[in-house]
N, C-alpha and C. Protein backbone atom coordinates (compact mmCIF):
# COMPACT_ATOMS: atom_id res chain seq x y z
N MET A 1 148.01 154.72 -31.57
CA MET A 1 147.72 155.96 -30.91
C MET A 1 149.02 156.72 -30.69
N SER A 2 149.07 157.90 -31.25
CA SER A 2 150.31 158.66 -31.15
C SER A 2 150.14 159.82 -30.16
N ILE A 3 151.22 160.21 -29.58
CA ILE A 3 151.23 161.31 -28.63
C ILE A 3 151.46 162.59 -29.42
N PRO A 4 150.59 163.60 -29.20
CA PRO A 4 150.79 164.84 -29.96
C PRO A 4 152.09 165.53 -29.54
N ILE A 5 152.79 166.04 -30.54
CA ILE A 5 154.05 166.72 -30.30
C ILE A 5 153.77 168.22 -30.21
N PRO A 6 154.28 168.88 -29.17
CA PRO A 6 154.04 170.32 -29.07
C PRO A 6 154.70 171.04 -30.25
N SER A 7 153.99 171.97 -30.77
CA SER A 7 154.53 172.73 -31.90
C SER A 7 154.99 174.10 -31.43
N ASP A 8 155.66 174.78 -32.31
CA ASP A 8 156.15 176.11 -31.98
C ASP A 8 155.03 177.14 -31.97
N THR A 9 153.85 176.79 -32.48
CA THR A 9 152.75 177.75 -32.54
C THR A 9 151.94 177.79 -31.26
N SER A 10 152.23 176.89 -30.30
CA SER A 10 151.48 176.92 -29.05
C SER A 10 151.88 178.17 -28.25
N VAL A 11 150.87 178.76 -27.61
CA VAL A 11 151.08 180.00 -26.88
C VAL A 11 150.86 179.73 -25.40
N SER A 12 151.78 180.18 -24.59
CA SER A 12 151.64 180.05 -23.15
C SER A 12 151.26 181.42 -22.58
N ASP A 13 150.18 181.46 -21.86
CA ASP A 13 149.71 182.72 -21.28
C ASP A 13 150.00 182.69 -19.78
N SER A 14 151.16 183.19 -19.40
CA SER A 14 151.52 183.16 -17.98
C SER A 14 150.65 184.11 -17.17
N PHE A 15 150.20 185.23 -17.77
CA PHE A 15 149.32 186.16 -17.05
C PHE A 15 147.99 185.50 -16.69
N GLY A 16 147.44 184.72 -17.61
CA GLY A 16 146.19 184.00 -17.34
C GLY A 16 146.34 182.98 -16.23
N GLU A 17 147.49 182.32 -16.21
CA GLU A 17 147.74 181.34 -15.15
C GLU A 17 147.86 182.03 -13.78
N ILE A 18 148.53 183.16 -13.74
CA ILE A 18 148.68 183.90 -12.49
C ILE A 18 147.33 184.46 -12.05
N LEU A 19 146.56 185.00 -12.99
CA LEU A 19 145.26 185.57 -12.67
C LEU A 19 144.30 184.51 -12.14
N SER A 20 144.37 183.30 -12.68
CA SER A 20 143.46 182.25 -12.22
C SER A 20 143.75 181.84 -10.78
N SER A 21 144.96 182.06 -10.30
CA SER A 21 145.26 181.70 -8.92
C SER A 21 145.10 182.89 -7.97
N VAL A 22 145.20 184.12 -8.46
CA VAL A 22 145.13 185.30 -7.60
C VAL A 22 143.72 185.88 -7.52
N LEU A 23 142.91 185.71 -8.56
CA LEU A 23 141.57 186.30 -8.59
C LEU A 23 140.68 185.82 -7.45
N PRO A 24 140.67 184.52 -7.09
CA PRO A 24 139.84 184.13 -5.94
C PRO A 24 140.25 184.82 -4.64
N LEU A 25 141.54 185.04 -4.44
CA LEU A 25 141.99 185.75 -3.24
C LEU A 25 141.49 187.19 -3.25
N PHE A 26 141.56 187.85 -4.39
CA PHE A 26 141.07 189.21 -4.49
C PHE A 26 139.56 189.28 -4.28
N LEU A 27 138.83 188.29 -4.77
CA LEU A 27 137.38 188.28 -4.54
C LEU A 27 137.05 188.16 -3.06
N ILE A 28 137.78 187.32 -2.36
CA ILE A 28 137.55 187.18 -0.93
C ILE A 28 137.86 188.49 -0.21
N LEU A 29 138.96 189.13 -0.58
CA LEU A 29 139.33 190.39 0.06
C LEU A 29 138.35 191.51 -0.27
N ILE A 30 137.80 191.51 -1.49
CA ILE A 30 136.85 192.55 -1.88
C ILE A 30 135.58 192.46 -1.04
N TYR A 31 135.09 191.26 -0.81
CA TYR A 31 133.82 191.08 -0.11
C TYR A 31 133.98 190.91 1.39
N LEU A 32 135.18 191.02 1.91
CA LEU A 32 135.40 190.85 3.35
C LEU A 32 134.76 191.99 4.15
N LEU A 33 134.92 193.22 3.72
CA LEU A 33 134.38 194.36 4.46
C LEU A 33 132.85 194.37 4.51
N PRO A 34 132.12 194.19 3.39
CA PRO A 34 130.67 194.17 3.52
C PRO A 34 130.14 192.99 4.33
N VAL A 35 130.83 191.86 4.27
CA VAL A 35 130.40 190.71 5.08
C VAL A 35 130.58 191.04 6.56
N TYR A 36 131.72 191.57 6.91
CA TYR A 36 131.96 191.95 8.31
C TYR A 36 130.95 192.99 8.77
N ASN A 37 130.72 194.00 7.95
CA ASN A 37 129.79 195.07 8.30
C ASN A 37 128.36 194.54 8.48
N THR A 38 127.90 193.72 7.57
CA THR A 38 126.54 193.19 7.64
C THR A 38 126.36 192.27 8.84
N VAL A 39 127.32 191.39 9.07
CA VAL A 39 127.22 190.49 10.22
C VAL A 39 127.25 191.30 11.52
N PHE A 40 128.11 192.31 11.59
CA PHE A 40 128.18 193.15 12.78
C PHE A 40 126.85 193.85 13.03
N LEU A 41 126.25 194.40 11.97
CA LEU A 41 124.98 195.11 12.15
C LEU A 41 123.83 194.16 12.54
N ILE A 42 123.81 192.97 11.98
CA ILE A 42 122.76 192.00 12.34
C ILE A 42 122.91 191.58 13.80
N VAL A 43 124.13 191.33 14.24
CA VAL A 43 124.37 190.94 15.64
C VAL A 43 124.03 192.10 16.58
N LYS A 44 124.40 193.32 16.18
CA LYS A 44 124.07 194.49 16.99
C LYS A 44 122.57 194.67 17.10
N GLU A 45 121.85 194.40 16.02
CA GLU A 45 120.40 194.51 16.04
C GLU A 45 119.78 193.42 16.93
N LYS A 46 120.39 192.23 16.92
CA LYS A 46 119.90 191.17 17.81
C LYS A 46 120.11 191.56 19.28
N GLU A 47 121.24 192.19 19.58
CA GLU A 47 121.51 192.59 20.96
C GLU A 47 120.54 193.67 21.42
N SER A 48 120.18 194.58 20.53
CA SER A 48 119.26 195.66 20.92
C SER A 48 117.80 195.22 20.84
N ARG A 49 117.56 194.02 20.38
CA ARG A 49 116.21 193.43 20.28
C ARG A 49 115.25 194.28 19.44
N THR A 50 115.77 194.85 18.40
CA THR A 50 114.94 195.65 17.49
C THR A 50 113.94 194.77 16.75
N LYS A 51 114.39 193.58 16.35
CA LYS A 51 113.50 192.67 15.62
C LYS A 51 112.31 192.28 16.48
N GLU A 52 112.54 192.01 17.76
CA GLU A 52 111.44 191.64 18.64
C GLU A 52 110.48 192.80 18.84
N SER A 53 111.02 194.03 18.92
CA SER A 53 110.16 195.21 19.05
C SER A 53 109.28 195.38 17.82
N CYS A 54 109.86 195.15 16.65
CA CYS A 54 109.08 195.27 15.42
C CYS A 54 108.04 194.16 15.33
N ARG A 55 108.37 192.97 15.83
CA ARG A 55 107.39 191.88 15.85
C ARG A 55 106.20 192.22 16.74
N MET A 56 106.46 192.87 17.87
CA MET A 56 105.38 193.27 18.76
C MET A 56 104.45 194.28 18.10
N MET A 57 105.01 195.06 17.17
CA MET A 57 104.20 196.04 16.45
C MET A 57 103.52 195.44 15.23
N GLY A 58 103.75 194.16 14.95
CA GLY A 58 103.04 193.49 13.88
C GLY A 58 103.84 193.19 12.62
N MET A 59 105.14 193.48 12.62
CA MET A 59 105.95 193.19 11.44
C MET A 59 106.28 191.70 11.39
N THR A 60 106.23 191.14 10.20
CA THR A 60 106.59 189.73 10.03
C THR A 60 108.07 189.62 9.68
N ASP A 61 108.53 188.38 9.52
CA ASP A 61 109.94 188.16 9.20
C ASP A 61 110.30 188.54 7.77
N LEU A 62 109.36 188.45 6.84
CA LEU A 62 109.66 188.73 5.44
C LEU A 62 110.15 190.16 5.22
N PRO A 63 109.46 191.20 5.69
CA PRO A 63 110.01 192.56 5.49
C PRO A 63 111.35 192.78 6.18
N TYR A 64 111.54 192.14 7.31
CA TYR A 64 112.80 192.28 8.04
C TYR A 64 113.96 191.76 7.19
N TRP A 65 113.84 190.54 6.68
CA TRP A 65 114.93 189.96 5.90
C TRP A 65 115.03 190.59 4.51
N MET A 66 113.92 191.06 3.97
CA MET A 66 113.98 191.75 2.67
C MET A 66 114.72 193.09 2.80
N SER A 67 114.59 193.75 3.96
CA SER A 67 115.34 195.00 4.15
C SER A 67 116.84 194.72 4.21
N TRP A 68 117.23 193.63 4.89
CA TRP A 68 118.64 193.27 4.91
C TRP A 68 119.12 192.88 3.52
N PHE A 69 118.28 192.18 2.78
CA PHE A 69 118.62 191.78 1.41
C PHE A 69 118.83 193.01 0.53
N ALA A 70 117.93 193.98 0.64
CA ALA A 70 118.07 195.21 -0.16
C ALA A 70 119.32 195.98 0.24
N PHE A 71 119.60 196.07 1.54
CA PHE A 71 120.78 196.77 2.02
C PHE A 71 122.06 196.13 1.46
N TYR A 72 122.14 194.81 1.54
CA TYR A 72 123.33 194.12 1.05
C TYR A 72 123.41 194.14 -0.47
N THR A 73 122.28 194.07 -1.15
CA THR A 73 122.30 194.09 -2.61
C THR A 73 122.82 195.42 -3.14
N ILE A 74 122.46 196.51 -2.48
CA ILE A 74 122.99 197.82 -2.89
C ILE A 74 124.50 197.86 -2.69
N GLN A 75 124.97 197.40 -1.55
CA GLN A 75 126.42 197.34 -1.31
C GLN A 75 127.11 196.44 -2.32
N ASN A 76 126.53 195.28 -2.56
CA ASN A 76 127.11 194.31 -3.48
C ASN A 76 127.18 194.87 -4.89
N THR A 77 126.14 195.56 -5.32
CA THR A 77 126.13 196.12 -6.67
C THR A 77 127.23 197.17 -6.83
N LEU A 78 127.40 198.02 -5.84
CA LEU A 78 128.45 199.03 -5.91
C LEU A 78 129.84 198.40 -5.94
N ILE A 79 130.08 197.45 -5.07
CA ILE A 79 131.38 196.79 -5.01
C ILE A 79 131.65 196.01 -6.30
N SER A 80 130.64 195.31 -6.80
CA SER A 80 130.80 194.55 -8.04
C SER A 80 131.09 195.47 -9.21
N PHE A 81 130.41 196.61 -9.25
CA PHE A 81 130.62 197.56 -10.33
C PHE A 81 132.04 198.14 -10.29
N ILE A 82 132.54 198.46 -9.10
CA ILE A 82 133.89 199.00 -8.97
C ILE A 82 134.93 197.95 -9.36
N ALA A 83 134.78 196.73 -8.86
CA ALA A 83 135.73 195.66 -9.19
C ALA A 83 135.69 195.35 -10.68
N TRP A 84 134.49 195.33 -11.25
CA TRP A 84 134.33 195.09 -12.69
C TRP A 84 135.00 196.19 -13.49
N GLY A 85 134.83 197.44 -13.08
CA GLY A 85 135.43 198.56 -13.78
C GLY A 85 136.95 198.50 -13.76
N VAL A 86 137.51 198.18 -12.61
CA VAL A 86 138.97 198.08 -12.51
C VAL A 86 139.49 196.96 -13.40
N LEU A 87 138.83 195.82 -13.38
CA LEU A 87 139.29 194.70 -14.21
C LEU A 87 139.11 194.99 -15.70
N CYS A 88 138.04 195.64 -16.07
CA CYS A 88 137.81 195.92 -17.49
C CYS A 88 138.80 196.94 -18.03
N ILE A 89 139.20 197.89 -17.20
CA ILE A 89 140.15 198.91 -17.66
C ILE A 89 141.56 198.35 -17.77
N ASN A 90 141.98 197.59 -16.78
CA ASN A 90 143.38 197.19 -16.70
C ASN A 90 143.68 195.75 -17.10
N VAL A 91 142.72 194.85 -17.00
CA VAL A 91 143.06 193.43 -17.14
C VAL A 91 142.34 192.77 -18.30
N ILE A 92 141.01 192.79 -18.28
CA ILE A 92 140.22 192.03 -19.25
C ILE A 92 140.05 192.85 -20.53
N LYS A 93 140.51 192.29 -21.64
CA LYS A 93 140.36 192.99 -22.91
C LYS A 93 139.52 192.22 -23.90
N TYR A 94 139.55 190.90 -23.83
CA TYR A 94 138.90 190.09 -24.85
C TYR A 94 137.71 189.30 -24.33
N GLY A 95 137.43 189.34 -23.05
CA GLY A 95 136.31 188.60 -22.49
C GLY A 95 135.01 189.38 -22.58
N ASN A 96 133.91 188.69 -22.35
CA ASN A 96 132.60 189.34 -22.34
C ASN A 96 132.44 190.06 -21.01
N LYS A 97 132.37 191.37 -21.07
CA LYS A 97 132.35 192.17 -19.86
C LYS A 97 131.05 192.01 -19.06
N GLY A 98 129.96 191.70 -19.72
CA GLY A 98 128.70 191.46 -19.02
C GLY A 98 128.75 190.21 -18.16
N TYR A 99 129.39 189.17 -18.67
CA TYR A 99 129.52 187.94 -17.89
C TYR A 99 130.42 188.14 -16.67
N ILE A 100 131.43 188.96 -16.83
CA ILE A 100 132.34 189.21 -15.71
C ILE A 100 131.60 189.95 -14.60
N PHE A 101 130.82 190.97 -14.96
CA PHE A 101 130.04 191.68 -13.95
C PHE A 101 129.03 190.73 -13.29
N LEU A 102 128.36 189.91 -14.08
CA LEU A 102 127.39 188.96 -13.54
C LEU A 102 128.06 187.98 -12.58
N TYR A 103 129.27 187.55 -12.92
CA TYR A 103 130.01 186.65 -12.05
C TYR A 103 130.29 187.30 -10.70
N PHE A 104 130.77 188.54 -10.70
CA PHE A 104 131.04 189.25 -9.44
C PHE A 104 129.76 189.46 -8.65
N TRP A 105 128.70 189.87 -9.31
CA TRP A 105 127.46 190.18 -8.62
C TRP A 105 126.84 188.92 -8.02
N LEU A 106 126.83 187.84 -8.77
CA LEU A 106 126.26 186.59 -8.25
C LEU A 106 127.12 186.02 -7.11
N PHE A 107 128.43 186.20 -7.20
CA PHE A 107 129.29 185.77 -6.09
C PHE A 107 128.94 186.54 -4.82
N GLY A 108 128.74 187.85 -4.95
CA GLY A 108 128.36 188.66 -3.80
C GLY A 108 127.02 188.26 -3.21
N GLN A 109 126.06 187.94 -4.07
CA GLN A 109 124.75 187.51 -3.58
C GLN A 109 124.85 186.15 -2.89
N ALA A 110 125.72 185.28 -3.36
CA ALA A 110 125.92 183.99 -2.70
C ALA A 110 126.54 184.20 -1.32
N VAL A 111 127.39 185.19 -1.20
CA VAL A 111 127.98 185.52 0.10
C VAL A 111 126.89 185.95 1.07
N PHE A 112 125.89 186.70 0.59
CA PHE A 112 124.78 187.09 1.46
C PHE A 112 124.03 185.86 1.97
N GLY A 113 123.87 184.87 1.12
CA GLY A 113 123.25 183.62 1.57
C GLY A 113 124.03 182.97 2.68
N GLN A 114 125.34 183.04 2.60
CA GLN A 114 126.17 182.49 3.68
C GLN A 114 126.04 183.31 4.96
N ILE A 115 125.88 184.63 4.82
CA ILE A 115 125.68 185.48 5.99
C ILE A 115 124.40 185.08 6.71
N VAL A 116 123.33 184.91 5.97
CA VAL A 116 122.05 184.55 6.57
C VAL A 116 122.14 183.17 7.20
N LEU A 117 122.84 182.26 6.55
CA LEU A 117 122.99 180.92 7.09
C LEU A 117 123.76 180.93 8.40
N LEU A 118 124.78 181.76 8.48
CA LEU A 118 125.56 181.83 9.72
C LEU A 118 124.75 182.48 10.82
């Protein structure tokens, strides 16, 4: 069993290495504002007892949480589209742009699941 010897044709992509460590930080910073805003609004609604008032009028929990889901999904789609656009213009040239947008959008939707869990 021989150890492969590095050849002169190997390419080192220092930009890819830097991007792989910085991109998660940027994703957290991108979604920090909508998470804060949504959690603040849900807590404010709990304090004003709007949900209980709607329950007294006959609304169930499903429309209540679906409205929050729709509100966050619209925010998430806009933020994902902007982040995707910036990356596609300046950074990503050879990757599949549809997968990148899907990655951002699904990450944002997973964050909404964490909001509901909290």
